[in-house]
């Protein structure tokens, strides 16, 4: 059920009641298109994944594999079925850990690509923000220009004509006139 406070919004009429408040907050968020938080989150996840790799040092894995293989050979020579099974189990665990490392690297590569895309999108957004000004900024600029004219032009007829032109521009740009 849609909130009566939402007069428009493509999705608001379909949202469950429990999400309407968050939807309104998101619509009102001036930083909605900013991606810095997402980039930081990807960076945190990348750090976590890289730290996982650090704990599974490759040289250490080879040493564990060699030692476990030695245990397997010894158990086979002694015809120790339990020892053979335990050594095989341990070998499997070490090998699966290596496969897990490959999965982690796959995740890292995917996250790096996602981060690159987020950074590029954020960069474009920031560039676009620098190329556009808000209505408030435009009105402030016009007010400042008008003040400069008032400070430097003494002919009241010219000042009146300029002021009338500014008013005409402001009314036309806000949709209040032709």
N, C-alpha and C. Protein backbone atom coordinates (compact mmCIF):
# COMPACT_ATOMS: atom_id res chain seq x y z
N UNK A 1 0.84 -1.18 0.00
CA UNK A 1 0.00 0.00 0.00
C UNK A 1 0.88 1.23 0.00
N UNK A 2 0.59 2.19 -0.86
CA UNK A 2 1.41 3.39 -0.98
C UNK A 2 1.04 4.39 0.10
N UNK A 3 2.03 5.17 0.49
CA UNK A 3 1.79 6.21 1.49
C UNK A 3 1.06 7.36 0.83
N UNK A 4 0.11 7.97 1.52
CA UNK A 4 -0.59 9.11 0.93
C UNK A 4 0.33 10.32 0.74
N UNK A 5 1.48 10.32 1.42
CA UNK A 5 2.39 11.45 1.27
C UNK A 5 3.13 11.42 -0.06
N UNK A 6 3.15 10.27 -0.75
CA UNK A 6 3.81 10.17 -2.06
C UNK A 6 2.78 10.44 -3.15
N UNK A 7 2.90 11.60 -3.76
CA UNK A 7 1.98 11.96 -4.84
C UNK A 7 2.47 11.39 -6.17
N UNK A 8 3.75 11.11 -6.24
CA UNK A 8 4.34 10.57 -7.46
C UNK A 8 5.50 9.67 -7.09
N UNK A 9 6.11 9.11 -8.03
CA UNK A 9 7.22 8.19 -7.79
C UNK A 9 6.87 6.89 -8.48
N UNK A 10 7.74 6.48 -9.35
CA UNK A 10 7.50 5.31 -10.17
C UNK A 10 7.20 4.07 -9.35
N UNK A 11 7.85 3.91 -8.21
CA UNK A 11 7.74 2.67 -7.45
C UNK A 11 6.94 2.80 -6.16
N UNK A 12 6.71 4.02 -5.70
CA UNK A 12 6.11 4.21 -4.38
C UNK A 12 4.77 3.51 -4.22
N UNK A 13 3.96 3.45 -5.25
CA UNK A 13 2.64 2.83 -5.10
C UNK A 13 2.70 1.31 -4.98
N UNK A 14 3.86 0.71 -5.29
CA UNK A 14 3.99 -0.74 -5.21
C UNK A 14 4.75 -1.21 -3.97
N UNK A 15 5.32 -0.28 -3.22
CA UNK A 15 6.16 -0.65 -2.08
C UNK A 15 5.34 -1.13 -0.90
N UNK A 16 5.88 -2.13 -0.19
CA UNK A 16 5.24 -2.52 1.07
C UNK A 16 5.37 -1.37 2.07
N UNK A 17 4.45 -1.27 2.96
CA UNK A 17 4.42 -0.18 3.95
C UNK A 17 5.74 -0.06 4.71
N UNK A 18 6.37 -1.19 5.04
CA UNK A 18 7.60 -1.16 5.83
C UNK A 18 8.77 -0.51 5.08
N UNK A 19 8.71 -0.38 3.76
CA UNK A 19 9.82 0.20 2.98
C UNK A 19 9.59 1.64 2.57
N UNK A 20 8.39 2.15 2.75
CA UNK A 20 8.06 3.48 2.25
C UNK A 20 8.92 4.57 2.88
N UNK A 21 9.17 4.47 4.18
CA UNK A 21 10.00 5.47 4.83
C UNK A 21 11.40 5.52 4.26
N UNK A 22 12.01 4.34 4.07
CA UNK A 22 13.37 4.28 3.51
C UNK A 22 13.38 4.77 2.07
N UNK A 23 12.30 4.48 1.33
CA UNK A 23 12.18 4.94 -0.05
C UNK A 23 12.18 6.48 -0.08
N UNK A 24 11.40 7.07 0.79
CA UNK A 24 11.35 8.53 0.86
C UNK A 24 12.69 9.13 1.23
N UNK A 25 13.38 8.50 2.18
CA UNK A 25 14.71 8.98 2.57
C UNK A 25 15.68 8.90 1.39
N UNK A 26 15.63 7.80 0.66
CA UNK A 26 16.53 7.65 -0.50
C UNK A 26 16.24 8.70 -1.55
N UNK A 27 14.96 8.97 -1.81
CA UNK A 27 14.60 9.99 -2.81
C UNK A 27 15.08 11.37 -2.39
N UNK A 28 15.06 11.64 -1.10
CA UNK A 28 15.45 12.96 -0.60
C UNK A 28 16.95 13.10 -0.38
N UNK A 29 17.68 12.02 -0.47
CA UNK A 29 19.12 12.04 -0.21
C UNK A 29 19.87 12.79 -1.31
N UNK A 30 20.51 13.92 -0.97
CA UNK A 30 21.23 14.67 -1.99
C UNK A 30 22.46 13.93 -2.53
N UNK A 31 22.93 12.93 -1.80
CA UNK A 31 24.09 12.16 -2.21
C UNK A 31 23.69 10.79 -2.77
N UNK A 32 22.46 10.65 -3.22
CA UNK A 32 21.94 9.37 -3.69
C UNK A 32 22.82 8.77 -4.80
N UNK A 33 23.32 9.60 -5.68
CA UNK A 33 24.11 9.09 -6.80
C UNK A 33 25.60 8.99 -6.48
N UNK A 34 26.01 9.44 -5.31
CA UNK A 34 27.41 9.34 -4.91
C UNK A 34 27.77 7.88 -4.67
N UNK A 35 28.95 7.49 -5.07
CA UNK A 35 29.36 6.09 -4.97
C UNK A 35 30.54 5.89 -4.03
N UNK A 36 30.89 6.89 -3.27
CA UNK A 36 32.05 6.77 -2.38
C UNK A 36 31.87 5.65 -1.36
N UNK A 37 30.67 5.54 -0.78
CA UNK A 37 30.43 4.49 0.21
C UNK A 37 30.58 3.11 -0.41
N UNK A 38 30.08 2.94 -1.63
CA UNK A 38 30.20 1.65 -2.30
C UNK A 38 31.66 1.33 -2.62
N UNK A 39 32.40 2.33 -3.04
CA UNK A 39 33.82 2.13 -3.34
C UNK A 39 34.56 1.74 -2.07
N UNK A 40 34.26 2.41 -0.97
CA UNK A 40 34.90 2.08 0.31
C UNK A 40 34.54 0.65 0.74
N UNK A 41 33.30 0.25 0.54
CA UNK A 41 32.87 -1.10 0.89
C UNK A 41 33.61 -2.15 0.06
N UNK A 42 33.77 -1.89 -1.23
CA UNK A 42 34.52 -2.81 -2.09
C UNK A 42 35.97 -2.87 -1.63
N UNK A 43 36.55 -1.71 -1.26
CA UNK A 43 37.92 -1.69 -0.77
C UNK A 43 38.08 -2.52 0.51
N UNK A 44 37.11 -2.42 1.40
CA UNK A 44 37.16 -3.21 2.65
C UNK A 44 37.11 -4.70 2.32
N UNK A 45 36.23 -5.08 1.41
CA UNK A 45 36.11 -6.50 1.03
C UNK A 45 37.39 -6.98 0.35
N UNK A 46 37.97 -6.15 -0.50
CA UNK A 46 39.24 -6.52 -1.14
C UNK A 46 40.33 -6.75 -0.10
N UNK A 47 40.41 -5.87 0.88
CA UNK A 47 41.40 -6.03 1.95
C UNK A 47 41.18 -7.34 2.68
N UNK A 48 39.92 -7.63 2.99
CA UNK A 48 39.60 -8.87 3.70
C UNK A 48 40.02 -10.10 2.87
N UNK A 49 39.73 -10.09 1.59
CA UNK A 49 40.09 -11.22 0.74
C UNK A 49 41.61 -11.35 0.61
N UNK A 50 42.29 -10.22 0.49
CA UNK A 50 43.75 -10.28 0.40
C UNK A 50 44.37 -10.79 1.70
N UNK A 51 43.77 -10.44 2.83
CA UNK A 51 44.26 -10.96 4.10
C UNK A 51 44.05 -12.47 4.20
N UNK A 52 42.97 -12.96 3.62
CA UNK A 52 42.74 -14.41 3.59
C UNK A 52 43.87 -15.11 2.86
N UNK A 53 44.29 -14.51 1.77
CA UNK A 53 45.39 -15.10 1.00
C UNK A 53 46.66 -15.13 1.83
N UNK A 54 46.85 -14.08 2.62
CA UNK A 54 48.06 -13.98 3.43
C UNK A 54 48.16 -15.16 4.41
N UNK A 55 47.04 -15.59 4.94
CA UNK A 55 47.06 -16.68 5.92
C UNK A 55 47.29 -18.03 5.26
N UNK A 56 47.06 -18.15 3.97
CA UNK A 56 47.26 -19.42 3.27
C UNK A 56 48.50 -19.39 2.42
N UNK A 57 49.61 -19.07 3.00
CA UNK A 57 50.88 -18.90 2.31
C UNK A 57 51.22 -20.13 1.46
N UNK A 58 51.58 -19.90 0.21
CA UNK A 58 51.85 -20.99 -0.74
C UNK A 58 53.00 -21.88 -0.30
N UNK A 59 54.11 -21.30 0.14
CA UNK A 59 55.25 -22.12 0.55
C UNK A 59 54.86 -23.02 1.71
N UNK A 60 54.08 -22.51 2.64
CA UNK A 60 53.61 -23.31 3.77
C UNK A 60 52.73 -24.46 3.31
N UNK A 61 51.91 -24.21 2.29
CA UNK A 61 51.05 -25.28 1.77
C UNK A 61 51.89 -26.40 1.16
N UNK A 62 52.91 -26.04 0.42
CA UNK A 62 53.76 -27.07 -0.17
C UNK A 62 54.47 -27.89 0.91
N UNK A 63 54.89 -27.22 1.96
CA UNK A 63 55.55 -27.93 3.06
C UNK A 63 54.57 -28.89 3.73
N UNK A 64 53.33 -28.42 3.93
CA UNK A 64 52.30 -29.29 4.54
C UNK A 64 51.97 -30.46 3.61
N UNK A 65 51.90 -30.18 2.29
CA UNK A 65 51.63 -31.25 1.33
C UNK A 65 52.74 -32.30 1.37
N UNK A 66 54.00 -31.83 1.37
CA UNK A 66 55.14 -32.77 1.39
C UNK A 66 55.13 -33.60 2.67
N UNK A 67 54.88 -32.97 3.80
CA UNK A 67 54.86 -33.70 5.07
C UNK A 67 53.71 -34.71 5.11
N UNK A 68 52.56 -34.30 4.63
CA UNK A 68 51.40 -35.19 4.64
C UNK A 68 51.61 -36.34 3.66
N UNK A 69 52.24 -36.07 2.52
CA UNK A 69 52.54 -37.13 1.56
C UNK A 69 53.52 -38.13 2.20
N UNK A 70 54.47 -37.61 2.96
CA UNK A 70 55.40 -38.48 3.70
C UNK A 70 54.64 -39.36 4.68
N UNK A 71 53.65 -38.79 5.38
CA UNK A 71 52.82 -39.55 6.31
C UNK A 71 52.04 -40.63 5.56
N UNK A 72 51.54 -40.28 4.37
CA UNK A 72 50.77 -41.24 3.57
C UNK A 72 51.65 -42.42 3.16
N UNK A 73 52.85 -42.11 2.66
CA UNK A 73 53.77 -43.17 2.24
C UNK A 73 54.15 -44.08 3.42
N UNK A 74 54.40 -43.47 4.56
CA UNK A 74 54.75 -44.26 5.75
C UNK A 74 53.59 -45.15 6.17
N UNK A 75 52.37 -44.62 6.14
CA UNK A 75 51.19 -45.40 6.52
C UNK A 75 50.99 -46.55 5.54
N UNK A 76 51.26 -46.33 4.25
CA UNK A 76 51.11 -47.40 3.26
C UNK A 76 52.15 -48.50 3.47
N UNK A 77 53.40 -48.08 3.77
CA UNK A 77 54.46 -49.07 4.02
C UNK A 77 54.09 -49.94 5.22
N UNK A 78 53.54 -49.31 6.24
CA UNK A 78 53.16 -50.04 7.45
C UNK A 78 51.80 -50.72 7.31
N UNK A 79 51.16 -50.54 6.17
CA UNK A 79 49.81 -51.07 5.92
C UNK A 79 48.81 -50.62 6.98
N UNK A 80 48.99 -49.35 7.38
CA UNK A 80 48.12 -48.73 8.38
C UNK A 80 46.94 -48.08 7.66
N UNK A 81 45.79 -48.78 7.65
CA UNK A 81 44.60 -48.30 6.92
C UNK A 81 44.12 -46.98 7.52
N UNK A 82 44.06 -46.88 8.84
CA UNK A 82 43.61 -45.64 9.49
C UNK A 82 44.54 -44.48 9.19
N UNK A 83 45.85 -44.73 9.24
CA UNK A 83 46.84 -43.69 8.95
C UNK A 83 46.78 -43.26 7.50
N UNK A 84 46.55 -44.25 6.59
CA UNK A 84 46.42 -43.93 5.17
C UNK A 84 45.19 -43.05 4.93
N UNK A 85 44.08 -43.43 5.55
CA UNK A 85 42.84 -42.66 5.38
C UNK A 85 43.02 -41.24 5.94
N UNK A 86 43.66 -41.13 7.10
CA UNK A 86 43.87 -39.81 7.71
C UNK A 86 44.77 -38.95 6.83
N UNK A 87 45.83 -39.54 6.29
CA UNK A 87 46.74 -38.78 5.42
C UNK A 87 46.03 -38.34 4.15
N UNK A 88 45.23 -39.22 3.56
CA UNK A 88 44.46 -38.85 2.36
C UNK A 88 43.47 -37.72 2.67
N UNK A 89 42.83 -37.82 3.82
CA UNK A 89 41.88 -36.77 4.23
C UNK A 89 42.61 -35.43 4.36
N UNK A 90 43.78 -35.47 5.00
CA UNK A 90 44.56 -34.24 5.19
C UNK A 90 45.03 -33.67 3.86
N UNK A 91 45.47 -34.56 2.95
CA UNK A 91 45.86 -34.10 1.61
C UNK A 91 44.68 -33.42 0.90
N UNK A 92 43.53 -34.03 1.00
CA UNK A 92 42.33 -33.43 0.39
C UNK A 92 42.03 -32.05 0.94
N UNK A 93 42.15 -31.92 2.25
CA UNK A 93 41.89 -30.63 2.89
C UNK A 93 42.87 -29.57 2.40
N UNK A 94 44.15 -29.93 2.31
CA UNK A 94 45.16 -28.97 1.85
C UNK A 94 44.89 -28.58 0.40
N UNK A 95 44.59 -29.57 -0.45
CA UNK A 95 44.33 -29.30 -1.87
C UNK A 95 43.08 -28.45 -2.04
N UNK A 96 42.02 -28.78 -1.29
CA UNK A 96 40.79 -27.99 -1.37
C UNK A 96 41.05 -26.55 -0.92
N UNK A 97 41.93 -26.39 0.05
CA UNK A 97 42.30 -25.04 0.48
C UNK A 97 42.94 -24.26 -0.64
N UNK A 98 43.75 -24.93 -1.45
CA UNK A 98 44.37 -24.29 -2.61
C UNK A 98 43.30 -23.89 -3.61
N UNK A 99 42.32 -24.76 -3.84
CA UNK A 99 41.22 -24.44 -4.75
C UNK A 99 40.44 -23.25 -4.21
N UNK A 100 40.29 -23.22 -2.88
CA UNK A 100 39.60 -22.10 -2.24
C UNK A 100 40.34 -20.80 -2.51
N UNK A 101 41.67 -20.87 -2.51
CA UNK A 101 42.48 -19.68 -2.80
C UNK A 101 42.20 -19.18 -4.21
N UNK A 102 42.03 -20.10 -5.16
CA UNK A 102 41.68 -19.70 -6.52
C UNK A 102 40.33 -18.99 -6.56
N UNK A 103 39.39 -19.48 -5.78
CA UNK A 103 38.07 -18.83 -5.69
C UNK A 103 38.23 -17.42 -5.12
N UNK A 104 39.05 -17.29 -4.09
CA UNK A 104 39.29 -15.97 -3.49
C UNK A 104 39.88 -15.03 -4.53
N UNK A 105 40.87 -15.52 -5.31
CA UNK A 105 41.44 -14.68 -6.36
C UNK A 105 40.39 -14.29 -7.40
N UNK A 106 39.51 -15.21 -7.73
CA UNK A 106 38.42 -14.89 -8.64
C UNK A 106 37.54 -13.78 -8.08
N UNK A 107 37.24 -13.88 -6.78
CA UNK A 107 36.44 -12.84 -6.12
C UNK A 107 37.19 -11.51 -6.13
N UNK A 108 38.50 -11.54 -5.90
CA UNK A 108 39.29 -10.31 -5.89
C UNK A 108 39.26 -9.65 -7.27
N UNK A 109 39.44 -10.44 -8.30
CA UNK A 109 39.44 -9.89 -9.66
C UNK A 109 38.07 -9.29 -9.99
N UNK A 110 37.00 -9.99 -9.61
CA UNK A 110 35.65 -9.47 -9.85
C UNK A 110 35.42 -8.17 -9.07
N UNK A 111 35.88 -8.12 -7.83
CA UNK A 111 35.72 -6.91 -7.04
C UNK A 111 36.54 -5.75 -7.59
N UNK A 112 37.73 -6.04 -8.08
CA UNK A 112 38.54 -4.98 -8.69
C UNK A 112 37.84 -4.40 -9.91
N UNK A 113 37.22 -5.26 -10.70
CA UNK A 113 36.48 -4.78 -11.86
C UNK A 113 35.27 -3.95 -11.42
N UNK A 114 34.57 -4.43 -10.39
CA UNK A 114 33.43 -3.68 -9.87
C UNK A 114 33.89 -2.33 -9.31
N UNK A 115 35.01 -2.32 -8.62
CA UNK A 115 35.55 -1.08 -8.07
C UNK A 115 35.90 -0.11 -9.20
N UNK A 116 36.54 -0.63 -10.25
CA UNK A 116 36.89 0.23 -11.39
C UNK A 116 35.65 0.88 -11.97
N UNK A 117 34.58 0.11 -12.13
CA UNK A 117 33.34 0.66 -12.68
C UNK A 117 32.73 1.70 -11.76
N UNK A 118 32.74 1.43 -10.45
CA UNK A 118 32.20 2.39 -9.49
C UNK A 118 33.02 3.69 -9.49
N UNK A 119 34.34 3.55 -9.52
CA UNK A 119 35.20 4.74 -9.53
C UNK A 119 34.94 5.55 -10.80
N UNK A 120 34.83 4.89 -11.92
CA UNK A 120 34.57 5.61 -13.18
C UNK A 120 33.21 6.31 -13.13
N UNK A 121 32.20 5.64 -12.61
CA UNK A 121 30.88 6.27 -12.49
C UNK A 121 30.92 7.47 -11.55
N UNK A 122 31.63 7.33 -10.44
CA UNK A 122 31.74 8.44 -9.48
C UNK A 122 32.52 9.59 -10.10
N UNK A 123 33.57 9.27 -10.84
CA UNK A 123 34.34 10.32 -11.50
C UNK A 123 33.47 11.10 -12.48
N UNK A 124 32.70 10.38 -13.29
CA UNK A 124 31.79 11.04 -14.25
C UNK A 124 30.78 11.91 -13.53
N UNK A 125 30.24 11.40 -12.41
CA UNK A 125 29.25 12.17 -11.66
C UNK A 125 29.87 13.45 -11.12
N UNK A 126 31.09 13.37 -10.61
CA UNK A 126 31.75 14.55 -10.09
C UNK A 126 32.05 15.56 -11.19
N UNK A 127 32.46 15.08 -12.35
CA UNK A 127 32.72 15.98 -13.48
C UNK A 127 31.43 16.68 -13.89
N UNK A 128 30.34 15.91 -13.98
CA UNK A 128 29.05 16.50 -14.36
C UNK A 128 28.58 17.52 -13.33
N UNK A 129 28.84 17.26 -12.05
CA UNK A 129 28.44 18.21 -11.02
C UNK A 129 29.19 19.54 -11.19
N UNK A 130 30.42 19.48 -11.65
CA UNK A 130 31.20 20.70 -11.85
C UNK A 130 30.73 21.47 -13.08
N UNK A 131 30.02 20.81 -13.97
CA UNK A 131 29.56 21.45 -15.20
C UNK A 131 28.15 22.01 -15.07
N UNK A 132 27.51 21.78 -13.96
CA UNK A 132 26.14 22.24 -13.77
C UNK A 132 26.06 23.04 -12.48
N UNK A 133 25.14 23.99 -12.47
CA UNK A 133 24.92 24.73 -11.24
C UNK A 133 23.45 24.59 -10.85
N UNK A 134 23.19 24.71 -9.57
CA UNK A 134 21.82 24.61 -9.09
C UNK A 134 21.08 25.91 -9.36
N UNK A 135 19.78 25.88 -9.23
CA UNK A 135 18.97 27.09 -9.39
C UNK A 135 19.41 28.13 -8.37
N UNK A 136 19.66 27.69 -7.14
CA UNK A 136 20.10 28.62 -6.10
C UNK A 136 21.42 29.28 -6.48
N UNK A 137 22.35 28.50 -7.03
CA UNK A 137 23.63 29.07 -7.44
C UNK A 137 23.45 30.06 -8.59
N UNK A 138 22.56 29.74 -9.52
CA UNK A 138 22.30 30.64 -10.64
C UNK A 138 21.68 31.96 -10.16
N UNK A 139 20.73 31.86 -9.23
CA UNK A 139 20.11 33.07 -8.70
C UNK A 139 21.10 33.90 -7.90
N UNK A 140 21.98 33.23 -7.15
CA UNK A 140 23.00 33.95 -6.41
C UNK A 140 23.96 34.66 -7.36
N UNK A 141 24.30 34.00 -8.46
CA UNK A 141 25.17 34.61 -9.46
C UNK A 141 24.50 35.84 -10.08
N UNK A 142 23.22 35.70 -10.42
CA UNK A 142 22.48 36.84 -10.98
C UNK A 142 22.42 37.99 -9.97
N UNK A 143 22.19 37.67 -8.71
CA UNK A 143 22.13 38.72 -7.68
C UNK A 143 23.48 39.43 -7.57
N UNK A 144 24.56 38.66 -7.64
CA UNK A 144 25.90 39.25 -7.55
C UNK A 144 26.19 40.12 -8.77
N UNK A 145 25.80 39.66 -9.95
CA UNK A 145 25.98 40.46 -11.17
C UNK A 145 25.18 41.75 -11.08
N UNK A 146 23.96 41.62 -10.57
CA UNK A 146 23.11 42.81 -10.42
C UNK A 146 23.76 43.80 -9.46
N UNK A 147 24.35 43.31 -8.38
CA UNK A 147 25.02 44.19 -7.43
C UNK A 147 26.22 44.88 -8.06
N UNK A 148 26.98 44.15 -8.87
CA UNK A 148 28.12 44.74 -9.57
C UNK A 148 27.65 45.86 -10.49
N UNK A 149 26.53 45.63 -11.19
CA UNK A 149 25.99 46.65 -12.08
C UNK A 149 25.56 47.88 -11.28
N UNK A 150 24.85 47.64 -10.17
CA UNK A 150 24.41 48.76 -9.33
C UNK A 150 25.59 49.56 -8.79
N UNK A 151 26.66 48.87 -8.45
CA UNK A 151 27.85 49.54 -7.92
C UNK A 151 28.61 50.33 -8.98
N UNK A 152 28.46 49.97 -10.25
CA UNK A 152 29.31 50.57 -11.29
C UNK A 152 28.57 51.36 -12.36
N UNK A 153 27.26 51.29 -12.39
CA UNK A 153 26.50 52.03 -13.39
C UNK A 153 25.68 53.09 -12.66
N UNK A 154 25.81 54.31 -13.11
CA UNK A 154 25.11 55.39 -12.41
C UNK A 154 23.82 55.80 -13.12
N UNK A 155 23.66 55.46 -14.37
CA UNK A 155 22.47 55.84 -15.14
C UNK A 155 21.28 54.99 -14.70
N UNK A 156 20.29 55.63 -14.07
CA UNK A 156 19.12 54.91 -13.54
C UNK A 156 18.29 54.26 -14.64
N UNK A 157 18.25 54.82 -15.80
CA UNK A 157 17.50 54.23 -16.91
C UNK A 157 18.10 52.90 -17.35
N UNK A 158 19.42 52.87 -17.44
CA UNK A 158 20.11 51.63 -17.80
C UNK A 158 19.93 50.58 -16.71
N UNK A 159 20.03 51.01 -15.44
CA UNK A 159 19.84 50.08 -14.32
C UNK A 159 18.43 49.49 -14.35
N UNK A 160 17.43 50.32 -14.62
CA UNK A 160 16.04 49.83 -14.69
C UNK A 160 15.87 48.84 -15.84
N UNK A 161 16.47 49.13 -16.97
CA UNK A 161 16.36 48.23 -18.12
C UNK A 161 17.03 46.89 -17.83
N UNK A 162 18.20 46.94 -17.19
CA UNK A 162 18.90 45.69 -16.84
C UNK A 162 18.10 44.91 -15.82
N UNK A 163 17.56 45.57 -14.81
CA UNK A 163 16.75 44.89 -13.79
C UNK A 163 15.52 44.24 -14.40
N UNK A 164 14.87 44.95 -15.31
CA UNK A 164 13.68 44.40 -15.99
C UNK A 164 14.07 43.16 -16.81
N UNK A 165 15.23 43.22 -17.45
CA UNK A 165 15.69 42.06 -18.24
C UNK A 165 15.99 40.87 -17.33
N UNK A 166 16.63 41.12 -16.18
CA UNK A 166 16.89 40.05 -15.22
C UNK A 166 15.58 39.41 -14.75
N UNK A 167 14.59 40.25 -14.46
CA UNK A 167 13.29 39.72 -14.01
C UNK A 167 12.65 38.88 -15.11
N UNK A 168 12.74 39.35 -16.34
CA UNK A 168 12.16 38.61 -17.46
C UNK A 168 12.85 37.25 -17.61
N UNK A 169 14.17 37.23 -17.49
CA UNK A 169 14.93 35.98 -17.58
C UNK A 169 14.55 35.05 -16.45
N UNK A 170 14.47 35.56 -15.24
CA UNK A 170 14.14 34.74 -14.08
C UNK A 170 12.74 34.15 -14.20
N UNK A 171 11.78 34.94 -14.65
CA UNK A 171 10.40 34.45 -14.80
C UNK A 171 10.32 33.40 -15.91
N UNK A 172 11.01 33.65 -17.02
CA UNK A 172 10.98 32.71 -18.15
C UNK A 172 11.64 31.39 -17.75
N UNK A 173 12.75 31.44 -17.00
CA UNK A 173 13.49 30.23 -16.63
C UNK A 173 12.78 29.42 -15.56
N UNK A 174 11.92 30.04 -14.77
CA UNK A 174 11.19 29.30 -13.74
C UNK A 174 9.83 28.86 -14.23
N UNK A 175 9.54 29.10 -15.49
CA UNK A 175 8.27 28.65 -16.06
C UNK A 175 7.11 29.59 -15.75
N UNK A 176 7.41 30.77 -15.25
CA UNK A 176 6.34 31.70 -14.87
C UNK A 176 5.91 32.62 -16.00
N UNK A 177 6.51 32.51 -17.16
CA UNK A 177 6.14 33.39 -18.27
C UNK A 177 6.64 32.84 -19.58
N UNK A 178 6.41 33.58 -20.64
CA UNK A 178 6.81 33.12 -21.96
C UNK A 178 8.22 33.46 -22.29
